[in-house]
Amino acid sequence: MVRTMVAALLLGLLAAGAGCDGRAKIGLPAGFPADVPVPEGAVLRTARDMGKKGLNVVFETQESVLPLAERLGGRLRAAGWSGMPEAVFDGAVFSSWRKGERSVALGVSSSGGATVVGIAVVERPYSEWEEAGG
């Protein structure tokens, strides 16, 4: 599950980097949960409602990776989310969170001189077989 969430988040981050010139004004997707923190003062680069697969948003900021990841994790914990194992790589922190049936994948990484924050929210466990009608 953690690998799937990290892979989905990485794909979202890669997609966010393609064709984002910052000129278009976008907002959080409708229904983005109030109990999922977003980085203050960061620029929202992409926002996607992927239906049953959840909501994905990507922000860009100049804040340092580790302090930002720690602060967002602390805010998730304060909002009642339970942390799953965290993965820390060179210049990146990836974590997964659960609250009831809902899950959040959080990725904070350094890219091109900026810090990129990807957040994927799934309101309930998603199974691909549901889309196939199975």
N, C-alpha and C. Protein backbone atom coordinates (compact mmCIF):
# COMPACT_ATOMS: atom_id res chain seq x y z
N MET A 1 0.83 -1.19 0.00
CA MET A 1 0.00 0.00 0.00
C MET A 1 0.87 1.25 0.00
N VAL A 2 1.89 1.28 0.85
CA VAL A 2 2.76 2.45 0.92
C VAL A 2 3.48 2.65 -0.41
N ARG A 3 3.98 1.55 -1.00
CA ARG A 3 4.66 1.65 -2.30
C ARG A 3 3.72 2.19 -3.36
N THR A 4 2.48 1.74 -3.37
CA THR A 4 1.50 2.20 -4.35
C THR A 4 1.24 3.68 -4.19
N MET A 5 1.09 4.12 -2.94
CA MET A 5 0.83 5.54 -2.69
C MET A 5 2.04 6.39 -3.10
N VAL A 6 3.25 5.93 -2.78
CA VAL A 6 4.46 6.68 -3.15
C VAL A 6 4.58 6.73 -4.66
N ALA A 7 4.32 5.61 -5.34
CA ALA A 7 4.39 5.58 -6.81
C ALA A 7 3.38 6.54 -7.42
N ALA A 8 2.16 6.55 -6.88
CA ALA A 8 1.13 7.47 -7.40
C ALA A 8 1.54 8.91 -7.18
N LEU A 9 2.11 9.20 -6.03
CA LEU A 9 2.54 10.55 -5.72
C LEU A 9 3.68 10.97 -6.65
N LEU A 10 4.63 10.07 -6.88
CA LEU A 10 5.74 10.39 -7.79
C LEU A 10 5.24 10.65 -9.20
N LEU A 11 4.28 9.85 -9.68
CA LEU A 11 3.71 10.09 -11.00
C LEU A 11 3.02 11.45 -11.05
N GLY A 12 2.33 11.78 -9.99
CA GLY A 12 1.68 13.10 -9.93
C GLY A 12 2.69 14.23 -9.96
N LEU A 13 3.80 14.06 -9.25
CA LEU A 13 4.84 15.09 -9.25
C LEU A 13 5.47 15.23 -10.63
N LEU A 14 5.69 14.11 -11.32
CA LEU A 14 6.25 14.18 -12.67
C LEU A 14 5.28 14.86 -13.63
N ALA A 15 4.02 14.53 -13.52
CA ALA A 15 3.02 15.15 -14.38
C ALA A 15 2.91 16.64 -14.11
N ALA A 16 3.09 17.01 -12.85
CA ALA A 16 2.99 18.42 -12.47
C ALA A 16 4.09 19.24 -13.11
N GLY A 17 5.25 18.66 -13.28
CA GLY A 17 6.36 19.40 -13.85
C GLY A 17 6.22 19.65 -15.33
N ALA A 18 5.38 18.90 -16.00
CA ALA A 18 5.22 19.04 -17.45
C ALA A 18 4.19 20.13 -17.75
N GLY A 19 4.62 21.16 -18.43
CA GLY A 19 3.71 22.18 -18.90
C GLY A 19 3.21 23.15 -17.86
N CYS A 20 3.82 23.24 -16.71
CA CYS A 20 3.40 24.19 -15.68
C CYS A 20 4.25 25.44 -15.77
N ASP A 21 3.69 26.50 -16.30
CA ASP A 21 4.47 27.73 -16.37
C ASP A 21 4.03 28.74 -15.32
N GLY A 22 3.06 28.40 -14.49
CA GLY A 22 2.67 29.25 -13.38
C GLY A 22 1.74 30.39 -13.76
N ARG A 23 1.33 30.52 -15.03
CA ARG A 23 0.49 31.64 -15.44
C ARG A 23 -0.98 31.41 -15.12
N ALA A 24 -1.42 30.19 -15.14
CA ALA A 24 -2.83 29.90 -14.89
C ALA A 24 -3.11 29.91 -13.40
N LYS A 25 -4.22 30.53 -13.00
CA LYS A 25 -4.63 30.57 -11.60
C LYS A 25 -5.51 29.35 -11.33
N ILE A 26 -5.08 28.51 -10.41
CA ILE A 26 -5.86 27.32 -10.08
C ILE A 26 -6.13 27.31 -8.58
N GLY A 27 -7.10 26.51 -8.18
CA GLY A 27 -7.43 26.38 -6.76
C GLY A 27 -7.51 24.92 -6.36
N LEU A 28 -7.66 24.70 -5.09
CA LEU A 28 -7.82 23.33 -4.59
C LEU A 28 -9.07 22.71 -5.19
N PRO A 29 -9.05 21.40 -5.46
CA PRO A 29 -10.24 20.74 -6.00
C PRO A 29 -11.40 20.84 -5.02
N ALA A 30 -12.60 20.90 -5.55
CA ALA A 30 -13.80 20.90 -4.70
C ALA A 30 -13.76 19.66 -3.82
N GLY A 31 -14.08 19.81 -2.58
CA GLY A 31 -14.10 18.68 -1.66
C GLY A 31 -12.75 18.35 -1.05
N PHE A 32 -11.73 19.18 -1.29
CA PHE A 32 -10.44 18.91 -0.65
C PHE A 32 -10.64 19.01 0.85
N PRO A 33 -10.27 17.95 1.61
CA PRO A 33 -10.59 17.91 3.04
C PRO A 33 -9.93 19.02 3.86
N ALA A 34 -10.71 19.61 4.73
CA ALA A 34 -10.21 20.68 5.60
C ALA A 34 -9.18 20.17 6.60
N ASP A 35 -9.18 18.86 6.89
CA ASP A 35 -8.25 18.32 7.88
C ASP A 35 -6.94 17.83 7.25
N VAL A 36 -6.71 18.18 5.99
CA VAL A 36 -5.44 17.88 5.32
C VAL A 36 -4.71 19.20 5.11
N PRO A 37 -3.59 19.42 5.80
CA PRO A 37 -2.90 20.70 5.69
C PRO A 37 -2.20 20.87 4.35
N VAL A 38 -2.11 22.12 3.93
CA VAL A 38 -1.34 22.48 2.75
C VAL A 38 -0.26 23.48 3.19
N PRO A 39 0.85 23.57 2.47
CA PRO A 39 1.93 24.46 2.89
C PRO A 39 1.54 25.93 2.73
N GLU A 40 1.73 26.70 3.79
CA GLU A 40 1.40 28.12 3.77
C GLU A 40 2.35 28.86 2.83
N GLY A 41 1.82 29.79 2.07
CA GLY A 41 2.63 30.64 1.22
C GLY A 41 3.19 29.95 -0.01
N ALA A 42 2.86 28.69 -0.24
CA ALA A 42 3.35 27.97 -1.41
C ALA A 42 2.42 28.24 -2.60
N VAL A 43 2.96 28.08 -3.80
CA VAL A 43 2.18 28.27 -5.02
C VAL A 43 1.60 26.91 -5.44
N LEU A 44 0.30 26.87 -5.64
CA LEU A 44 -0.36 25.65 -6.11
C LEU A 44 -0.10 25.53 -7.61
N ARG A 45 0.59 24.46 -8.01
CA ARG A 45 0.96 24.27 -9.42
C ARG A 45 -0.03 23.39 -10.17
N THR A 46 -0.50 22.32 -9.54
CA THR A 46 -1.50 21.47 -10.17
C THR A 46 -2.51 21.00 -9.14
N ALA A 47 -3.71 20.76 -9.62
CA ALA A 47 -4.78 20.23 -8.77
C ALA A 47 -5.65 19.35 -9.65
N ARG A 48 -5.80 18.11 -9.25
CA ARG A 48 -6.58 17.16 -10.04
C ARG A 48 -7.54 16.38 -9.17
N ASP A 49 -8.77 16.32 -9.64
CA ASP A 49 -9.77 15.43 -9.05
C ASP A 49 -9.80 14.20 -9.93
N MET A 50 -9.36 13.07 -9.38
CA MET A 50 -9.26 11.85 -10.16
C MET A 50 -10.39 10.87 -9.83
N GLY A 51 -11.52 11.43 -9.40
CA GLY A 51 -12.69 10.60 -9.10
C GLY A 51 -12.42 9.66 -7.95
N LYS A 52 -12.71 8.36 -8.16
CA LYS A 52 -12.52 7.36 -7.11
C LYS A 52 -11.06 7.22 -6.70
N LYS A 53 -10.15 7.63 -7.56
CA LYS A 53 -8.72 7.51 -7.25
C LYS A 53 -8.24 8.64 -6.34
N GLY A 54 -9.07 9.64 -6.10
CA GLY A 54 -8.74 10.67 -5.13
C GLY A 54 -8.41 12.03 -5.71
N LEU A 55 -7.85 12.86 -4.87
CA LEU A 55 -7.47 14.23 -5.21
C LEU A 55 -5.96 14.35 -5.12
N ASN A 56 -5.35 14.98 -6.12
CA ASN A 56 -3.90 15.19 -6.11
C ASN A 56 -3.61 16.67 -6.30
N VAL A 57 -2.75 17.21 -5.43
CA VAL A 57 -2.32 18.60 -5.56
C VAL A 57 -0.80 18.66 -5.45
N VAL A 58 -0.22 19.62 -6.13
CA VAL A 58 1.22 19.83 -6.08
C VAL A 58 1.50 21.31 -5.87
N PHE A 59 2.31 21.60 -4.87
CA PHE A 59 2.70 22.96 -4.54
C PHE A 59 4.20 23.15 -4.77
N GLU A 60 4.61 24.40 -4.91
CA GLU A 60 6.02 24.73 -5.01
C GLU A 60 6.31 25.87 -4.03
N THR A 61 7.45 25.77 -3.35
CA THR A 61 7.85 26.76 -2.36
C THR A 61 9.37 26.83 -2.30
N GLN A 62 9.88 27.82 -1.61
CA GLN A 62 11.32 27.95 -1.41
C GLN A 62 11.74 27.44 -0.03
N GLU A 63 10.79 26.96 0.75
CA GLU A 63 11.08 26.46 2.09
C GLU A 63 11.90 25.17 2.02
N SER A 64 12.73 24.92 3.00
CA SER A 64 13.57 23.72 3.04
C SER A 64 12.73 22.46 3.24
N VAL A 65 13.19 21.37 2.63
CA VAL A 65 12.45 20.11 2.61
C VAL A 65 12.15 19.56 4.00
N LEU A 66 13.18 19.30 4.81
CA LEU A 66 12.96 18.62 6.09
C LEU A 66 12.08 19.40 7.06
N PRO A 67 12.33 20.70 7.29
CA PRO A 67 11.44 21.42 8.22
C PRO A 67 9.99 21.46 7.73
N LEU A 68 9.81 21.60 6.42
CA LEU A 68 8.46 21.64 5.87
C LEU A 68 7.76 20.29 6.04
N ALA A 69 8.47 19.21 5.73
CA ALA A 69 7.89 17.87 5.89
C ALA A 69 7.53 17.60 7.35
N GLU A 70 8.40 18.01 8.26
CA GLU A 70 8.11 17.82 9.69
C GLU A 70 6.90 18.63 10.13
N ARG A 71 6.79 19.87 9.66
CA ARG A 71 5.66 20.71 10.07
C ARG A 71 4.34 20.16 9.51
N LEU A 72 4.33 19.76 8.23
CA LEU A 72 3.11 19.21 7.65
C LEU A 72 2.72 17.90 8.35
N GLY A 73 3.71 17.06 8.66
CA GLY A 73 3.44 15.83 9.40
C GLY A 73 2.86 16.12 10.78
N GLY A 74 3.40 17.12 11.45
CA GLY A 74 2.88 17.51 12.76
C GLY A 74 1.45 18.01 12.67
N ARG A 75 1.14 18.74 11.62
CA ARG A 75 -0.23 19.25 11.44
C ARG A 75 -1.19 18.10 11.12
N LEU A 76 -0.74 17.11 10.34
CA LEU A 76 -1.58 15.95 10.08
C LEU A 76 -1.86 15.20 11.38
N ARG A 77 -0.80 14.98 12.17
CA ARG A 77 -0.94 14.28 13.45
C ARG A 77 -1.91 15.03 14.37
N ALA A 78 -1.79 16.36 14.42
CA ALA A 78 -2.66 17.18 15.27
C ALA A 78 -4.12 17.12 14.80
N ALA A 79 -4.33 16.85 13.50
CA ALA A 79 -5.68 16.75 12.96
C ALA A 79 -6.25 15.34 13.08
N GLY A 80 -5.51 14.45 13.77
CA GLY A 80 -6.02 13.11 14.02
C GLY A 80 -5.59 12.04 13.04
N TRP A 81 -4.65 12.34 12.15
CA TRP A 81 -4.15 11.36 11.20
C TRP A 81 -3.07 10.53 11.87
N SER A 82 -3.00 9.24 11.51
CA SER A 82 -1.97 8.33 12.03
C SER A 82 -0.92 8.12 10.94
N GLY A 83 0.34 8.31 11.32
CA GLY A 83 1.43 8.15 10.36
C GLY A 83 1.78 6.69 10.14
N MET A 84 2.09 6.38 8.92
CA MET A 84 2.58 5.06 8.53
C MET A 84 4.10 5.23 8.35
N PRO A 85 4.82 4.18 8.00
CA PRO A 85 6.27 4.32 7.83
C PRO A 85 6.63 5.43 6.83
N GLU A 86 7.67 6.16 7.18
CA GLU A 86 8.14 7.29 6.39
C GLU A 86 9.40 6.87 5.63
N ALA A 87 9.57 7.39 4.43
CA ALA A 87 10.77 7.11 3.65
C ALA A 87 11.51 8.43 3.43
N VAL A 88 12.77 8.46 3.84
CA VAL A 88 13.58 9.65 3.65
C VAL A 88 14.71 9.29 2.70
N PHE A 89 14.76 10.00 1.57
CA PHE A 89 15.80 9.80 0.58
C PHE A 89 16.63 11.08 0.52
N ASP A 90 17.63 11.09 -0.29
CA ASP A 90 18.45 12.28 -0.47
C ASP A 90 17.58 13.43 -0.98
N GLY A 91 17.31 14.39 -0.12
CA GLY A 91 16.54 15.57 -0.51
C GLY A 91 15.05 15.34 -0.66
N ALA A 92 14.49 14.27 -0.09
CA ALA A 92 13.07 14.01 -0.21
C ALA A 92 12.54 13.24 1.00
N VAL A 93 11.29 13.52 1.36
CA VAL A 93 10.60 12.82 2.44
C VAL A 93 9.23 12.41 1.92
N PHE A 94 8.91 11.12 2.05
CA PHE A 94 7.62 10.60 1.63
C PHE A 94 6.97 9.92 2.83
N SER A 95 5.70 10.24 3.07
CA SER A 95 5.00 9.63 4.20
C SER A 95 3.56 9.32 3.81
N SER A 96 2.98 8.36 4.51
CA SER A 96 1.59 7.97 4.31
C SER A 96 0.85 8.13 5.63
N TRP A 97 -0.41 8.51 5.54
CA TRP A 97 -1.23 8.78 6.72
C TRP A 97 -2.59 8.16 6.54
N ARG A 98 -3.19 7.73 7.66
CA ARG A 98 -4.53 7.13 7.65
C ARG A 98 -5.40 7.81 8.71
N LYS A 99 -6.67 7.91 8.37
CA LYS A 99 -7.67 8.40 9.31
C LYS A 99 -8.97 7.72 8.92
N GLY A 100 -9.36 6.71 9.70
CA GLY A 100 -10.52 5.92 9.32
C GLY A 100 -10.24 5.20 8.01
N GLU A 101 -11.12 5.34 7.05
CA GLU A 101 -10.96 4.72 5.74
C GLU A 101 -10.15 5.59 4.78
N ARG A 102 -9.85 6.81 5.19
CA ARG A 102 -9.17 7.74 4.29
C ARG A 102 -7.65 7.61 4.40
N SER A 103 -6.97 8.00 3.33
CA SER A 103 -5.51 7.98 3.35
C SER A 103 -4.95 9.20 2.64
N VAL A 104 -3.75 9.58 3.06
CA VAL A 104 -3.02 10.70 2.47
C VAL A 104 -1.61 10.25 2.20
N ALA A 105 -1.12 10.56 1.01
CA ALA A 105 0.30 10.37 0.69
C ALA A 105 0.90 11.76 0.57
N LEU A 106 1.99 11.99 1.27
CA LEU A 106 2.64 13.30 1.30
C LEU A 106 4.08 13.13 0.82
N GLY A 107 4.46 13.92 -0.15
CA GLY A 107 5.83 13.90 -0.64
C GLY A 107 6.38 15.31 -0.67
N VAL A 108 7.56 15.49 -0.08
CA VAL A 108 8.22 16.79 -0.07
C VAL A 108 9.62 16.55 -0.61
N SER A 109 9.95 17.22 -1.71
CA SER A 109 11.25 16.97 -2.33
C SER A 109 11.82 18.23 -2.96
N SER A 110 13.10 18.18 -3.22
CA SER A 110 13.82 19.26 -3.85
C SER A 110 13.86 19.02 -5.35
N SER A 111 13.53 20.04 -6.14
CA SER A 111 13.53 19.88 -7.59
C SER A 111 13.79 21.21 -8.27
N GLY A 112 14.86 21.28 -9.02
CA GLY A 112 15.15 22.48 -9.80
C GLY A 112 15.27 23.75 -8.99
N GLY A 113 15.85 23.66 -7.81
CA GLY A 113 16.04 24.85 -6.98
C GLY A 113 14.83 25.24 -6.15
N ALA A 114 13.78 24.44 -6.19
CA ALA A 114 12.58 24.72 -5.40
C ALA A 114 12.22 23.46 -4.61
N THR A 115 11.31 23.62 -3.67
CA THR A 115 10.78 22.48 -2.94
C THR A 115 9.38 22.20 -3.47
N VAL A 116 9.14 20.95 -3.83
CA VAL A 116 7.86 20.52 -4.38
C VAL A 116 7.15 19.69 -3.33
N VAL A 117 5.88 19.98 -3.10
CA VAL A 117 5.05 19.26 -2.14
C VAL A 117 3.89 18.63 -2.90
N GLY A 118 3.82 17.32 -2.87
CA GLY A 118 2.72 16.60 -3.49
C GLY A 118 1.85 15.96 -2.42
N ILE A 119 0.55 16.13 -2.56
CA ILE A 119 -0.39 15.57 -1.60
C ILE A 119 -1.46 14.81 -2.39
N ALA A 120 -1.63 13.53 -2.07
CA ALA A 120 -2.67 12.71 -2.68
C ALA A 120 -3.62 12.27 -1.58
N VAL A 121 -4.91 12.50 -1.77
CA VAL A 121 -5.93 12.16 -0.77
C VAL A 121 -6.91 11.18 -1.39
N VAL A 122 -7.13 10.06 -0.71
CA VAL A 122 -8.12 9.08 -1.14
C VAL A 122 -9.13 8.94 0.00
N GLU A 123 -10.40 9.17 -0.31
CA GLU A 123 -11.44 9.17 0.72
C GLU A 123 -11.77 7.79 1.25
N ARG A 124 -11.48 6.76 0.52
CA ARG A 124 -11.68 5.40 0.99
C ARG A 124 -10.74 4.52 0.19
N PRO A 125 -10.47 3.33 0.63
CA PRO A 125 -9.54 2.48 -0.14
C PRO A 125 -10.01 2.31 -1.58
N TYR A 126 -9.12 2.53 -2.51
CA TYR A 126 -9.43 2.43 -3.93
C TYR A 126 -8.96 1.09 -4.46
N SER A 127 -9.82 0.43 -5.21
CA SER A 127 -9.47 -0.84 -5.85
C SER A 127 -9.76 -0.73 -7.33
N GLU A 128 -8.76 -1.04 -8.16
CA GLU A 128 -8.94 -0.94 -9.61
C GLU A 128 -10.06 -1.85 -10.11
N TRP A 129 -10.29 -2.98 -9.44
CA TRP A 129 -11.31 -3.90 -9.89
C TRP A 129 -12.70 -3.26 -9.87
N GLU A 130 -12.91 -2.24 -9.02
CA GLU A 130 -14.21 -1.57 -8.97
C GLU A 130 -14.51 -0.87 -10.29
N GLU A 131 -13.50 -0.29 -10.92
CA GLU A 131 -13.70 0.39 -12.18
C GLU A 131 -14.07 -0.58 -13.29
N ALA A 132 -13.57 -1.80 -13.20
CA ALA A 132 -13.83 -2.81 -14.22
C ALA A 132 -15.21 -3.43 -14.02
N GLY A 133 -15.90 -3.02 -12.97
CA GLY A 133 -17.22 -3.56 -12.72
C GLY A 133 -17.20 -4.88 -11.99
N GLY A 134 -16.02 -5.24 -11.45
CA GLY A 134 -15.87 -6.54 -10.79
C GLY A 134 -16.23 -6.48 -9.39
